[in-house]
Amino acid sequence: QSADRKRRRNAVNQPRNRIEPVTDEMTAAELDATPKKLAGPKQKVAGKQTTVLLPKDGERWLIPGDLHFGIQDDIAIGLMMECAKDYGVDRCILQGDTLDCYGISRHDHRADKIRGNCFSLDDESREAYYFFQAMAKTRLPSYIMPGNHEDRIWALEDKNLGLHGSLTMRGLFGIPQSVQVLPQYSRIVAGSLVIEHGHKLPGSLGRYGAAKVLGDHPDQCTMFGHTHRMAVARKTTYDRNGKPRTRMAMTIGHMSIAEKHIGYAPDANWQQGFALVEFWHDKGGKLRYTITLVEIHDHEFCFQGKVYR
């Protein structure tokens, strides 16, 4: 017993390797020089799998709202892809609910809610094929993270242990090898920007979800989907030198057909849209970015002087 107490006491006194939060106070050079803190591109932080990316000056990302392939709006997605091509997007980040996974939902299924001819996971993978192929051709690797709808895959495993390890997003949906598929409860970090689906952010679905998330995470800029709304909450504070620092939380909207959700959201306050992000480093070497939210109005929108319809 005395030996056990001594071992525990020594363990408490030993320094521990801590993973420090990534903020825009760390420059790209500092990130490269801290392998012990990050130890590669993926680390598990606060129960979530975190992938750290280091964008270069001028790098541009496309972040669509929830796509829900199976009940996706192909016209809206086509307009978004045309805009992304014109903008010169370098990579695409899918923040969750890419597939609807309706056929394996735990909720009761009714014949009048079947999405046209699309019901099985194989049907949904065929619907998503053209988009996944486009993602495979981006200049930089694109990423897919699961949302609460993809979580239905692992819920199915939990109820059928014989399926354990045999169900993967890549295998089920034919996702190309060049597209990075992240595990459950993932997030992507680039400086102070954090991208995740949002179903694990308390209060994200509330009336003031963006403001709630900003209050819970005041030291980062959080982009998330899940709510099918487009909303932004910002807060600016001033450091000891009087320089402003703005943090925000924003929801990106969705890219599905709203009427297909009518069974549980007949009067949904939802918006179709997507986000475009461009990165640069300021004169002090800090990573900065400009985020543009693009809302689609009845299959039309205007971006940089061009009307897409």
C-alpha atoms as a PDB file:
ATOM      1  CA  GLN A   1       0.000   0.000   0.000  1.00  0.00           C
ATOM      2  CA  SER A   2       2.816   2.427   0.811  1.00  0.00           C
ATOM      3  CA  ALA A   3       4.458   1.656  -2.552  1.00  0.00           C
ATOM      4  CA  ASP A   4       1.157   2.406  -4.344  1.00  0.00           C
ATOM      5  CA  ARG A   5       0.808   5.721  -2.526  1.00  0.00           C
ATOM      6  CA  LYS A   6       4.382   6.664  -3.456  1.00  0.00           C
ATOM      7  CA  ARG A   7       3.785   5.771  -7.104  1.00  0.00           C
ATOM      8  CA  ARG A   8       0.597   7.857  -7.237  1.00  0.00           C
ATOM      9  CA  ARG A   9       2.339  10.789  -5.542  1.00  0.00           C
ATOM     10  CA  ASN A  10       5.211  10.679  -8.032  1.00  0.00           C
ATOM     11  CA  ALA A  11       2.758  10.501 -10.928  1.00  0.00           C
ATOM     12  CA  VAL A  12       0.952  13.626  -9.704  1.00  0.00           C
ATOM     13  CA  ASN A  13       4.233  15.519  -9.401  1.00  0.00           C
ATOM     14  CA  GLN A  14       5.408  14.613 -12.903  1.00  0.00           C
ATOM     15  CA  PRO A  15       4.887  17.255 -15.597  1.00  0.00           C
ATOM     16  CA  ARG A  16       2.219  16.336 -18.125  1.00  0.00           C
ATOM     17  CA  ASN A  17       2.124  16.962 -21.829  1.00  0.00           C
ATOM     18  CA  ARG A  18      -0.824  19.273 -22.306  1.00  0.00           C
ATOM     19  CA  ILE A  19      -2.487  20.088 -25.596  1.00  0.00           C
ATOM     20  CA  GLU A  20      -2.894  23.827 -25.696  1.00  0.00           C
ATOM     21  CA  PRO A  21      -5.813  25.427 -27.536  1.00  0.00           C
ATOM     22  CA  VAL A  22      -4.963  26.749 -30.978  1.00  0.00           C
ATOM     23  CA  THR A  23      -5.792  30.440 -31.303  1.00  0.00           C
ATOM     24  CA  ASP A  24      -4.834  33.168 -33.724  1.00  0.00           C
ATOM     25  CA  GLU A  25      -2.236  34.283 -31.172  1.00  0.00           C
ATOM     26  CA  MET A  26      -0.074  31.413 -32.507  1.00  0.00           C
ATOM     27  CA  THR A  27       1.504  32.087 -35.885  1.00  0.00           C
ATOM     28  CA  ALA A  28       1.947  29.448 -38.552  1.00  0.00           C
ATOM     29  CA  ALA A  29       5.678  29.378 -37.764  1.00  0.00           C
ATOM     30  CA  GLU A  30       4.947  28.775 -34.086  1.00  0.00           C
ATOM     31  CA  LEU A  31       2.580  25.940 -34.971  1.00  0.00           C
ATOM     32  CA  ASP A  32       5.297  24.315 -37.081  1.00  0.00           C
ATOM     33  CA  ALA A  33       7.709  24.659 -34.160  1.00  0.00           C
ATOM     34  CA  THR A  34       5.444  22.988 -31.569  1.00  0.00           C
ATOM     35  CA  PRO A  35       5.239  19.308 -32.515  1.00  0.00           C
ATOM     36  CA  LYS A  36       4.905  18.261 -28.875  1.00  0.00           C
ATOM     37  CA  LYS A  37       1.776  20.346 -28.488  1.00  0.00           C
ATOM     38  CA  LEU A  38       0.110  19.192 -31.697  1.00  0.00           C
ATOM     39  CA  ALA A  39       1.978  15.945 -32.471  1.00  0.00           C
ATOM     40  CA  GLY A  40       0.682  15.701 -36.010  1.00  0.00           C
ATOM     41  CA  PRO A  41      -2.463  16.842 -37.755  1.00  0.00           C
ATOM     42  CA  LYS A  42      -4.922  15.096 -35.422  1.00  0.00           C
ATOM     43  CA  GLN A  43      -5.308  15.324 -31.683  1.00  0.00           C
ATOM     44  CA  LYS A  44      -8.108  14.475 -29.314  1.00  0.00           C
ATOM     45  CA  VAL A  45      -9.086  17.620 -27.433  1.00  0.00           C
ATOM     46  CA  ALA A  46     -11.976  17.882 -24.965  1.00  0.00           C
ATOM     47  CA  GLY A  47     -13.532  14.661 -26.254  1.00  0.00           C
ATOM     48  CA  LYS A  48     -13.529  15.742 -29.904  1.00  0.00           C
ATOM     49  CA  GLN A  49     -11.196  14.637 -32.663  1.00  0.00           C
ATOM     50  CA  THR A  50      -9.409  17.795 -33.802  1.00  0.00           C
ATOM     51  CA  THR A  51      -7.735  18.193 -37.185  1.00  0.00           C
ATOM     52  CA  VAL A  52      -5.426  21.225 -37.380  1.00  0.00           C
ATOM     53  CA  LEU A  53      -4.914  22.806 -40.801  1.00  0.00           C
ATOM     54  CA  LEU A  54      -2.422  25.558 -41.652  1.00  0.00           C
ATOM     55  CA  PRO A  55      -3.824  27.576 -44.570  1.00  0.00           C
ATOM     56  CA  LYS A  56      -1.491  29.626 -46.737  1.00  0.00           C
ATOM     57  CA  ASP A  57      -2.083  33.169 -47.923  1.00  0.00           C
ATOM     58  CA  GLY A  58      -4.899  33.326 -50.435  1.00  0.00           C
ATOM     59  CA  GLU A  59      -6.188  29.821 -49.690  1.00  0.00           C
ATOM     60  CA  ARG A  60      -9.953  29.554 -50.248  1.00  0.00           C
ATOM     61  CA  TRP A  61     -12.429  27.077 -48.761  1.00  0.00           C
ATOM     62  CA  LEU A  62     -16.018  26.135 -49.548  1.00  0.00           C
ATOM     63  CA  ILE A  63     -18.159  25.117 -46.560  1.00  0.00           C
ATOM     64  CA  PRO A  64     -21.703  24.117 -47.610  1.00  0.00           C
ATOM     65  CA  GLY A  65     -24.684  24.046 -45.304  1.00  0.00           C
ATOM     66  CA  ASP A  66     -26.123  20.633 -44.456  1.00  0.00           C
ATOM     67  CA  LEU A  67     -26.446  18.804 -47.807  1.00  0.00           C
ATOM     68  CA  HIS A  68     -28.665  15.853 -46.765  1.00  0.00           C
ATOM     69  CA  PHE A  69     -28.075  13.795 -49.904  1.00  0.00           C
ATOM     70  CA  GLY A  70     -31.239  11.812 -50.428  1.00  0.00           C
ATOM     71  CA  ILE A  71     -33.324  14.958 -50.083  1.00  0.00           C
ATOM     72  CA  GLN A  72     -30.736  17.385 -51.464  1.00  0.00           C
ATOM     73  CA  ASP A  73     -31.590  20.398 -53.626  1.00  0.00           C
ATOM     74  CA  ASP A  74     -29.570  19.645 -56.774  1.00  0.00           C
ATOM     75  CA  ILE A  75     -30.324  23.037 -58.349  1.00  0.00           C
ATOM     76  CA  ALA A  76     -29.034  24.952 -55.311  1.00  0.00           C
ATOM     77  CA  ILE A  77     -25.980  22.680 -55.067  1.00  0.00           C
ATOM     78  CA  GLY A  78     -25.234  23.171 -58.761  1.00  0.00           C
ATOM     79  CA  LEU A  79     -25.329  26.957 -58.361  1.00  0.00           C
ATOM     80  CA  MET A  80     -23.049  26.713 -55.327  1.00  0.00           C
ATOM     81  CA  MET A  81     -20.561  24.567 -57.267  1.00  0.00           C
ATOM     82  CA  GLU A  82     -20.550  27.050 -60.157  1.00  0.00           C
ATOM     83  CA  CYS A  83     -19.869  29.894 -57.715  1.00  0.00           C
ATOM     84  CA  ALA A  84     -17.097  27.902 -56.006  1.00  0.00           C
ATOM     85  CA  LYS A  85     -15.439  27.261 -59.372  1.00  0.00           C
ATOM     86  CA  ASP A  86     -15.573  30.964 -60.267  1.00  0.00           C
ATOM     87  CA  TYR A  87     -14.208  31.876 -56.838  1.00  0.00           C
ATOM     88  CA  GLY A  88     -11.305  29.438 -57.161  1.00  0.00           C
ATOM     89  CA  VAL A  89     -11.939  27.216 -54.153  1.00  0.00           C
ATOM     90  CA  ASP A  90      -8.918  25.166 -53.026  1.00  0.00           C
ATOM     91  CA  ARG A  91     -10.708  22.705 -50.767  1.00  0.00           C
ATOM     92  CA  CYS A  92     -14.183  21.807 -49.525  1.00  0.00           C
ATOM     93  CA  ILE A  93     -15.114  21.156 -45.895  1.00  0.00           C
ATOM     94  CA  LEU A  94     -18.331  19.216 -45.276  1.00  0.00           C
ATOM     95  CA  GLN A  95     -19.299  19.886 -41.668  1.00  0.00           C
ATOM     96  CA  GLY A  96     -21.844  17.079 -41.261  1.00  0.00           C
ATOM     97  CA  ASP A  97     -25.275  15.791 -42.334  1.00  0.00           C
ATOM     98  CA  THR A  98     -23.885  15.248 -45.810  1.00  0.00           C
ATOM     99  CA  LEU A  99     -26.072  12.133 -46.100  1.00  0.00           C
ATOM    100  CA  ASP A 100     -29.606  12.035 -44.721  1.00  0.00           C
ATOM    101  CA  CYS A 101     -29.456   8.344 -43.709  1.00  0.00           C
ATOM    102  CA  TYR A 102     -33.245   8.320 -43.478  1.00  0.00           C
ATOM    103  CA  GLY A 103     -33.593   4.619 -44.100  1.00  0.00           C
ATOM    104  CA  ILE A 104     -31.709   3.697 -40.915  1.00  0.00           C
ATOM    105  CA  SER A 105     -33.228   6.372 -38.700  1.00  0.00           C
ATOM    106  CA  ARG A 106     -34.449   5.191 -35.311  1.00  0.00           C
ATOM    107  CA  HIS A 107     -37.655   7.145 -35.905  1.00  0.00           C
ATOM    108  CA  ASP A 108     -40.718   5.408 -37.303  1.00  0.00           C
ATOM    109  CA  HIS A 109     -40.843   5.263 -41.094  1.00  0.00           C
ATOM    110  CA  ARG A 110     -44.059   6.040 -42.924  1.00  0.00           C
ATOM    111  CA  ALA A 111     -44.796   5.308 -46.571  1.00  0.00           C
ATOM    112  CA  ASP A 112     -45.846   8.901 -47.274  1.00  0.00           C
ATOM    113  CA  LYS A 113     -42.456  10.178 -46.063  1.00  0.00           C
ATOM    114  CA  ILE A 114     -40.308   8.085 -48.382  1.00  0.00           C
ATOM    115  CA  ARG A 115     -38.087  10.497 -50.307  1.00  0.00           C
ATOM    116  CA  GLY A 116     -39.203   9.764 -53.878  1.00  0.00           C
ATOM    117  CA  ASN A 117     -37.181   6.791 -55.120  1.00  0.00           C
ATOM    118  CA  CYS A 118     -34.411   7.402 -52.582  1.00  0.00           C
ATOM    119  CA  PHE A 119     -34.639   5.384 -49.395  1.00  0.00           C
ATOM    120  CA  SER A 120     -31.605   3.111 -48.922  1.00  0.00           C
ATOM    121  CA  LEU A 121     -28.029   4.149 -48.138  1.00  0.00           C
ATOM    122  CA  ASP A 122     -27.070   2.918 -51.603  1.00  0.00           C
ATOM    123  CA  ASP A 123     -29.662   5.287 -53.102  1.00  0.00           C
ATOM    124  CA  GLU A 124     -28.177   8.195 -51.152  1.00  0.00           C
ATOM    125  CA  SER A 125     -24.628   7.321 -52.233  1.00  0.00           C
ATOM    126  CA  ARG A 126     -25.703   7.464 -55.895  1.00  0.00           C
ATOM    127  CA  GLU A 127     -27.265  10.873 -55.294  1.00  0.00           C
ATOM    128  CA  ALA A 128     -24.015  12.149 -53.742  1.00  0.00           C
ATOM    129  CA  TYR A 129     -21.675  10.625 -56.341  1.00  0.00           C
ATOM    130  CA  TYR A 130     -21.254  13.727 -58.508  1.00  0.00           C
ATOM    131  CA  PHE A 131     -20.445  15.932 -55.530  1.00  0.00           C
ATOM    132  CA  PHE A 132     -17.899  13.523 -54.045  1.00  0.00           C
ATOM    133  CA  GLN A 133     -16.171  13.294 -57.425  1.00  0.00           C
ATOM    134  CA  ALA A 134     -15.912  17.087 -57.549  1.00  0.00           C
ATOM    135  CA  MET A 135     -14.430  17.103 -54.033  1.00  0.00           C
ATOM    136  CA  ALA A 136     -11.796  14.605 -55.143  1.00  0.00           C
ATOM    137  CA  LYS A 137     -10.528  17.092 -57.737  1.00  0.00           C
ATOM    138  CA  THR A 138      -9.873  20.087 -55.460  1.00  0.00           C
ATOM    139  CA  ARG A 139      -6.301  21.383 -55.385  1.00  0.00           C
ATOM    140  CA  LEU A 140      -5.946  20.573 -51.673  1.00  0.00           C
ATOM    141  CA  PRO A 141      -7.475  17.596 -49.839  1.00  0.00           C
ATOM    142  CA  SER A 142     -11.129  18.064 -48.939  1.00  0.00           C
ATOM    143  CA  TYR A 143     -12.683  16.822 -45.697  1.00  0.00           C
ATOM    144  CA  ILE A 144     -15.937  15.212 -44.581  1.00  0.00           C
ATOM    145  CA  MET A 145     -16.972  15.035 -40.936  1.00  0.00           C
ATOM    146  CA  PRO A 146     -20.060  13.193 -39.641  1.00  0.00           C
ATOM    147  CA  GLY A 147     -23.101  14.959 -38.231  1.00  0.00           C
ATOM    148  CA  ASN A 148     -26.000  13.640 -36.215  1.00  0.00           C
ATOM    149  CA  HIS A 149     -27.548  12.043 -39.326  1.00  0.00           C
ATOM    150  CA  GLU A 150     -24.380  10.052 -40.059  1.00  0.00           C
ATOM    151  CA  ASP A 151     -24.331   9.085 -36.377  1.00  0.00           C
ATOM    152  CA  ARG A 152     -27.206   6.776 -37.297  1.00  0.00           C
ATOM    153  CA  ILE A 153     -24.607   4.492 -38.882  1.00  0.00           C
ATOM    154  CA  TRP A 154     -22.868   3.878 -35.566  1.00  0.00           C
ATOM    155  CA  ALA A 155     -26.169   3.661 -33.722  1.00  0.00           C
ATOM    156  CA  LEU A 156     -26.990   0.796 -36.086  1.00  0.00           C
ATOM    157  CA  GLU A 157     -23.686  -0.853 -35.140  1.00  0.00           C
ATOM    158  CA  ASP A 158     -24.456  -0.462 -31.443  1.00  0.00           C
ATOM    159  CA  LYS A 159     -27.721  -2.339 -31.874  1.00  0.00           C
ATOM    160  CA  ASN A 160     -26.134  -5.009 -34.079  1.00  0.00           C
ATOM    161  CA  LEU A 161     -22.724  -5.860 -32.639  1.00  0.00           C
ATOM    162  CA  GLY A 162     -21.997  -8.237 -35.500  1.00  0.00           C
ATOM    163  CA  LEU A 163     -21.641  -5.167 -37.735  1.00  0.00           C
ATOM    164  CA  HIS A 164     -18.948  -3.604 -35.558  1.00  0.00           C
ATOM    165  CA  GLY A 165     -16.108  -2.259 -37.704  1.00  0.00           C
ATOM    166  CA  SER A 166     -17.774  -3.142 -41.002  1.00  0.00           C
ATOM    167  CA  LEU A 167     -19.753   0.087 -41.501  1.00  0.00           C
ATOM    168  CA  THR A 168     -17.720   3.072 -42.645  1.00  0.00           C
ATOM    169  CA  MET A 169     -18.765   6.254 -44.439  1.00  0.00           C
ATOM    170  CA  ARG A 170     -16.177   5.691 -47.152  1.00  0.00           C
ATOM    171  CA  GLY A 171     -17.301   2.128 -47.789  1.00  0.00           C
ATOM    172  CA  LEU A 172     -21.031   2.809 -47.576  1.00  0.00           C
ATOM    173  CA  PHE A 173     -21.060   5.904 -49.768  1.00  0.00           C
ATOM    174  CA  GLY A 174     -18.134   5.352 -52.142  1.00  0.00           C
ATOM    175  CA  ILE A 175     -16.181   8.394 -50.991  1.00  0.00           C
ATOM    176  CA  PRO A 176     -12.960   8.751 -53.061  1.00  0.00           C
ATOM    177  CA  GLN A 177      -9.670   7.988 -51.341  1.00  0.00           C
ATOM    178  CA  SER A 178      -8.359  11.520 -51.888  1.00  0.00           C
ATOM    179  CA  VAL A 179     -11.166  12.934 -49.708  1.00  0.00           C
ATOM    180  CA  GLN A 180     -10.358  12.801 -45.995  1.00  0.00           C
ATOM    181  CA  VAL A 181     -13.122  11.196 -43.903  1.00  0.00           C
ATOM    182  CA  LEU A 182     -13.036  12.216 -40.242  1.00  0.00           C
ATOM    183  CA  PRO A 183     -14.451  10.174 -37.333  1.00  0.00           C
ATOM    184  CA  GLN A 184     -17.439  10.987 -35.156  1.00  0.00           C
ATOM    185  CA  TYR A 185     -17.413  14.192 -33.110  1.00  0.00           C
ATOM    186  CA  SER A 186     -14.720  15.827 -35.220  1.00  0.00           C
ATOM    187  CA  ARG A 187     -13.790  19.435 -35.722  1.00  0.00           C
ATOM    188  CA  ILE A 188     -11.344  21.280 -37.954  1.00  0.00           C
ATOM    189  CA  VAL A 189      -9.190  24.081 -36.544  1.00  0.00           C
ATOM    190  CA  ALA A 190      -7.404  26.778 -38.549  1.00  0.00           C
ATOM    191  CA  GLY A 191      -6.031  29.455 -36.236  1.00  0.00           C
ATOM    192  CA  SER A 192      -8.964  30.736 -34.180  1.00  0.00           C
ATOM    193  CA  LEU A 193     -11.490  29.285 -36.653  1.00  0.00           C
ATOM    194  CA  VAL A 194     -13.215  26.095 -35.505  1.00  0.00           C
ATOM    195  CA  ILE A 195     -15.565  24.157 -37.806  1.00  0.00           C
ATOM    196  CA  GLU A 196     -17.833  21.398 -36.551  1.00  0.00           C
ATOM    197  CA  HIS A 197     -21.347  20.112 -37.118  1.00  0.00           C
ATOM    198  CA  GLY A 198     -22.823  21.614 -33.963  1.00  0.00           C
ATOM    199  CA  HIS A 199     -25.021  18.834 -32.589  1.00  0.00           C
ATOM    200  CA  LYS A 200     -22.656  18.523 -29.625  1.00  0.00           C
ATOM    201  CA  LEU A 201     -22.704  22.261 -28.897  1.00  0.00           C
ATOM    202  CA  PRO A 202     -25.200  22.880 -26.063  1.00  0.00           C
ATOM    203  CA  GLY A 203     -27.972  25.254 -27.068  1.00  0.00           C
ATOM    204  CA  SER A 204     -27.059  25.258 -30.764  1.00  0.00           C
ATOM    205  CA  LEU A 205     -30.653  24.532 -31.775  1.00  0.00           C
ATOM    206  CA  GLY A 206     -32.121  27.247 -29.580  1.00  0.00           C
ATOM    207  CA  ARG A 207     -33.688  30.447 -30.857  1.00  0.00           C
ATOM    208  CA  TYR A 208     -30.407  32.277 -30.308  1.00  0.00           C
ATOM    209  CA  GLY A 209     -28.107  29.343 -30.983  1.00  0.00           C
ATOM    210  CA  ALA A 210     -25.199  31.348 -32.418  1.00  0.00           C
ATOM    211  CA  ALA A 211     -25.176  33.721 -29.429  1.00  0.00           C
ATOM    212  CA  LYS A 212     -25.273  30.755 -27.019  1.00  0.00           C
ATOM    213  CA  VAL A 213     -22.332  29.059 -28.740  1.00  0.00           C
ATOM    214  CA  LEU A 214     -20.356  32.320 -28.743  1.00  0.00           C
ATOM    215  CA  GLY A 215     -21.005  32.711 -25.014  1.00  0.00           C
ATOM    216  CA  ASP A 216     -19.761  29.176 -24.365  1.00  0.00           C
ATOM    217  CA  HIS A 217     -16.717  29.537 -26.658  1.00  0.00           C
ATOM    218  CA  PRO A 218     -15.643  33.188 -26.471  1.00  0.00           C
ATOM    219  CA  ASP A 219     -12.015  32.577 -27.516  1.00  0.00           C
ATOM    220  CA  GLN A 220     -12.689  31.124 -30.949  1.00  0.00           C
ATOM    221  CA  CYS A 221     -14.722  31.718 -34.101  1.00  0.00           C
ATOM    222  CA  THR A 222     -17.120  28.797 -34.412  1.00  0.00           C
ATOM    223  CA  MET A 223     -18.754  27.801 -37.697  1.00  0.00           C
ATOM    224  CA  PHE A 224     -21.384  25.086 -37.523  1.00  0.00           C
ATOM    225  CA  GLY A 225     -24.389  23.643 -39.345  1.00  0.00           C
ATOM    226  CA  HIS A 226     -27.085  21.457 -37.801  1.00  0.00           C
ATOM    227  CA  THR A 227     -29.599  24.279 -37.266  1.00  0.00           C
ATOM    228  CA  HIS A 228     -30.393  24.840 -40.986  1.00  0.00           C
ATOM    229  CA  ARG A 229     -30.328  28.559 -40.212  1.00  0.00           C
ATOM    230  CA  MET A 230     -27.999  31.354 -41.250  1.00  0.00           C
ATOM    231  CA  ALA A 231     -27.140  33.473 -38.224  1.00  0.00           C
ATOM    232  CA  VAL A 232     -24.103  35.308 -36.865  1.00  0.00           C
ATOM    233  CA  ALA A 233     -23.255  36.495 -33.354  1.00  0.00           C
ATOM    234  CA  ARG A 234     -20.194  38.726 -32.846  1.00  0.00           C
ATOM    235  CA  LYS A 235     -18.392  40.181 -29.872  1.00  0.00           C
ATOM    236  CA  THR A 236     -15.464  42.610 -29.943  1.00  0.00           C
ATOM    237  CA  THR A 237     -13.140  43.173 -26.995  1.00  0.00           C
ATOM    238  CA  TYR A 238      -9.995  45.290 -26.685  1.00  0.00           C
ATOM    239  CA  ASP A 239      -6.614  44.131 -25.448  1.00  0.00           C
ATOM    240  CA  ARG A 240      -4.304  46.083 -23.147  1.00  0.00           C
ATOM    241  CA  ASN A 241      -2.916  47.972 -26.145  1.00  0.00           C
ATOM    242  CA  GLY A 242      -6.359  49.052 -27.247  1.00  0.00           C
ATOM    243  CA  LYS A 243      -6.436  46.771 -30.272  1.00  0.00           C
ATOM    244  CA  PRO A 244      -9.811  45.193 -31.084  1.00  0.00           C
ATOM    245  CA  ARG A 245     -10.321  41.442 -31.185  1.00  0.00           C
ATOM    246  CA  THR A 246     -13.546  40.079 -32.626  1.00  0.00           C
ATOM    247  CA  ARG A 247     -14.866  36.596 -32.032  1.00  0.00           C
ATOM    248  CA  MET A 248     -18.033  35.123 -33.488  1.00  0.00           C
ATOM    249  CA  ALA A 249     -20.220  32.080 -33.951  1.00  0.00           C
ATOM    250  CA  MET A 250     -22.164  31.439 -37.126  1.00  0.00           C
ATOM    251  CA  THR A 251     -24.505  28.868 -38.599  1.00  0.00           C
ATOM    252  CA  ILE A 252     -24.267  28.076 -42.301  1.00  0.00           C
ATOM    253  CA  GLY A 253     -27.782  27.001 -43.308  1.00  0.00           C
ATOM    254  CA  HIS A 254     -28.681  23.945 -45.379  1.00  0.00           C
ATOM    255  CA  MET A 255     -28.741  22.762 -48.999  1.00  0.00           C
ATOM    256  CA  SER A 256     -31.675  20.359 -48.908  1.00  0.00           C
ATOM    257  CA  ILE A 257     -35.325  20.592 -49.982  1.00  0.00           C
ATOM    258  CA  ALA A 258     -37.117  22.064 -46.977  1.00  0.00           C
ATOM    259  CA  GLU A 259     -40.448  20.466 -47.900  1.00  0.00           C
ATOM    260  CA  LYS A 260     -38.919  17.023 -47.459  1.00  0.00           C
ATOM    261  CA  HIS A 261     -38.531  17.764 -43.743  1.00  0.00           C
ATOM    262  CA  ILE A 262     -42.168  18.748 -43.361  1.00  0.00           C
ATOM    263  CA  GLY A 263     -43.051  15.813 -41.113  1.00  0.00           C
ATOM    264  CA  TYR A 264     -41.130  17.284 -38.169  1.00  0.00           C
ATOM    265  CA  ALA A 265     -40.563  20.902 -39.261  1.00  0.00           C
ATOM    266  CA  PRO A 266     -43.686  22.180 -41.059  1.00  0.00           C
ATOM    267  CA  ASP A 267     -42.929  25.881 -40.447  1.00  0.00           C
ATOM    268  CA  ALA A 268     -39.156  25.788 -40.196  1.00  0.00           C
ATOM    269  CA  ASN A 269     -37.232  29.062 -39.994  1.00  0.00           C
ATOM    270  CA  TRP A 270     -34.508  27.749 -42.285  1.00  0.00           C
ATOM    271  CA  GLN A 271     -32.283  29.295 -44.945  1.00  0.00           C
ATOM    272  CA  GLN A 272     -30.403  27.740 -47.845  1.00  0.00           C
ATOM    273  CA  GLY A 273     -26.781  28.742 -48.140  1.00  0.00           C
ATOM    274  CA  PHE A 274     -23.068  28.130 -47.863  1.00  0.00           C
ATOM    275  CA  ALA A 275     -19.887  29.845 -46.698  1.00  0.00           C
ATOM    276  CA  LEU A 276     -16.716  30.885 -48.499  1.00  0.00           C
ATOM    277  CA  VAL A 277     -13.532  31.510 -46.498  1.00  0.00           C
ATOM    278  CA  GLU A 278     -10.288  33.173 -47.603  1.00  0.00           C
ATOM    279  CA  PHE A 279      -7.131  33.155 -45.462  1.00  0.00           C
ATOM    280  CA  TRP A 280      -4.134  35.438 -45.136  1.00  0.00           C
ATOM    281  CA  HIS A 281      -1.455  36.344 -42.568  1.00  0.00           C
ATOM    282  CA  ASP A 282      -1.194  39.869 -41.232  1.00  0.00           C
ATOM    283  CA  LYS A 283       2.078  41.770 -40.915  1.00  0.00           C
ATOM    284  CA  GLY A 284       2.615  40.187 -37.501  1.00  0.00           C
ATOM    285  CA  GLY A 285       2.325  36.678 -38.945  1.00  0.00           C
ATOM    286  CA  LYS A 286      -1.072  35.905 -37.426  1.00  0.00           C
ATOM    287  CA  LEU A 287      -3.545  33.864 -39.428  1.00  0.00           C
ATOM    288  CA  ARG A 288      -6.560  35.907 -40.501  1.00  0.00           C
ATOM    289  CA  TYR A 289      -9.586  35.048 -42.602  1.00  0.00           C
ATOM    290  CA  THR A 290     -12.630  36.588 -44.234  1.00  0.00           C
ATOM    291  CA  ILE A 291     -15.888  34.626 -44.163  1.00  0.00           C
ATOM    292  CA  THR A 292     -18.688  35.291 -46.640  1.00  0.00           C
ATOM    293  CA  LEU A 293     -22.098  33.749 -46.033  1.00  0.00           C
ATOM    294  CA  VAL A 294     -24.066  33.338 -49.250  1.00  0.00           C
ATOM    295  CA  GLU A 295     -27.823  32.851 -48.938  1.00  0.00           C
ATOM    296  CA  ILE A 296     -29.740  31.286 -51.829  1.00  0.00           C
ATOM    297  CA  HIS A 297     -33.133  32.861 -52.496  1.00  0.00           C
ATOM    298  CA  ASP A 298     -35.452  30.640 -54.542  1.00  0.00           C
ATOM    299  CA  HIS A 299     -32.528  29.282 -56.602  1.00  0.00           C
ATOM    300  CA  GLU A 300     -30.941  32.691 -57.144  1.00  0.00           C
ATOM    301  CA  PHE A 301     -28.153  34.714 -55.539  1.00  0.00           C
ATOM    302  CA  CYS A 302     -25.589  37.334 -56.463  1.00  0.00           C
ATOM    303  CA  PHE A 303     -21.895  37.064 -55.588  1.00  0.00           C
ATOM    304  CA  GLN A 304     -19.103  39.425 -56.650  1.00  0.00           C
ATOM    305  CA  GLY A 305     -21.311  41.074 -59.241  1.00  0.00           C
ATOM    306  CA  LYS A 306     -22.506  37.873 -60.927  1.00  0.00           C
ATOM    307  CA  VAL A 307     -26.071  36.580 -60.631  1.00  0.00           C
ATOM    308  CA  TYR A 308     -26.371  32.808 -60.308  1.00  0.00           C
ATOM    309  CA  ARG A 309     -29.734  31.349 -61.218  1.00  0.00           C
END
